[in-house]
């Protein structure tokens, strides 16, 4: 009887490594795309949450709601350095722009929140009041969601 060594041959190990590499190469783009979609859904949901919280707060408390209000009071687990709310008020009529300044794919975000837009939003020149988080700067290229409503 032939005395054979135990273990795998080099060819067998190379074949296993090639199969693993092929599987990783096919799965990686799918996983990265899922991560991008999840981030876009999270951004869209945060924009909608901040808009709803702002609107509901004004419906319940009126203009008193704005006294001492900060971006962190509007939503839980929202990064306050990436989001801001800019609003105008005139005789009970409000227009609010909820702004996101982080990285985001507008096509994926608008798939979840169709009213979201990307572009330049300049709050200073248009007379908006601001609710911003810590470390917020007013970047020119942002994703924003605008709502208008009346409080009676």
Foldseek 3Di string as FASTA:
>chain_A
DDDDDDDDDPVVVVVVVVVVVVVCVVVVVVVVVVVQLVVLLVVLVLQVQLVVQVVVQCQVPNPVSPVPDASCVRDPPDDQQFWKKWWDDDQQKMKIKIKGDDDHDVVSNCVNVVQKDWFFDDRVVVPTDMHGGPPHDRDGTIIIHMDIDGHD
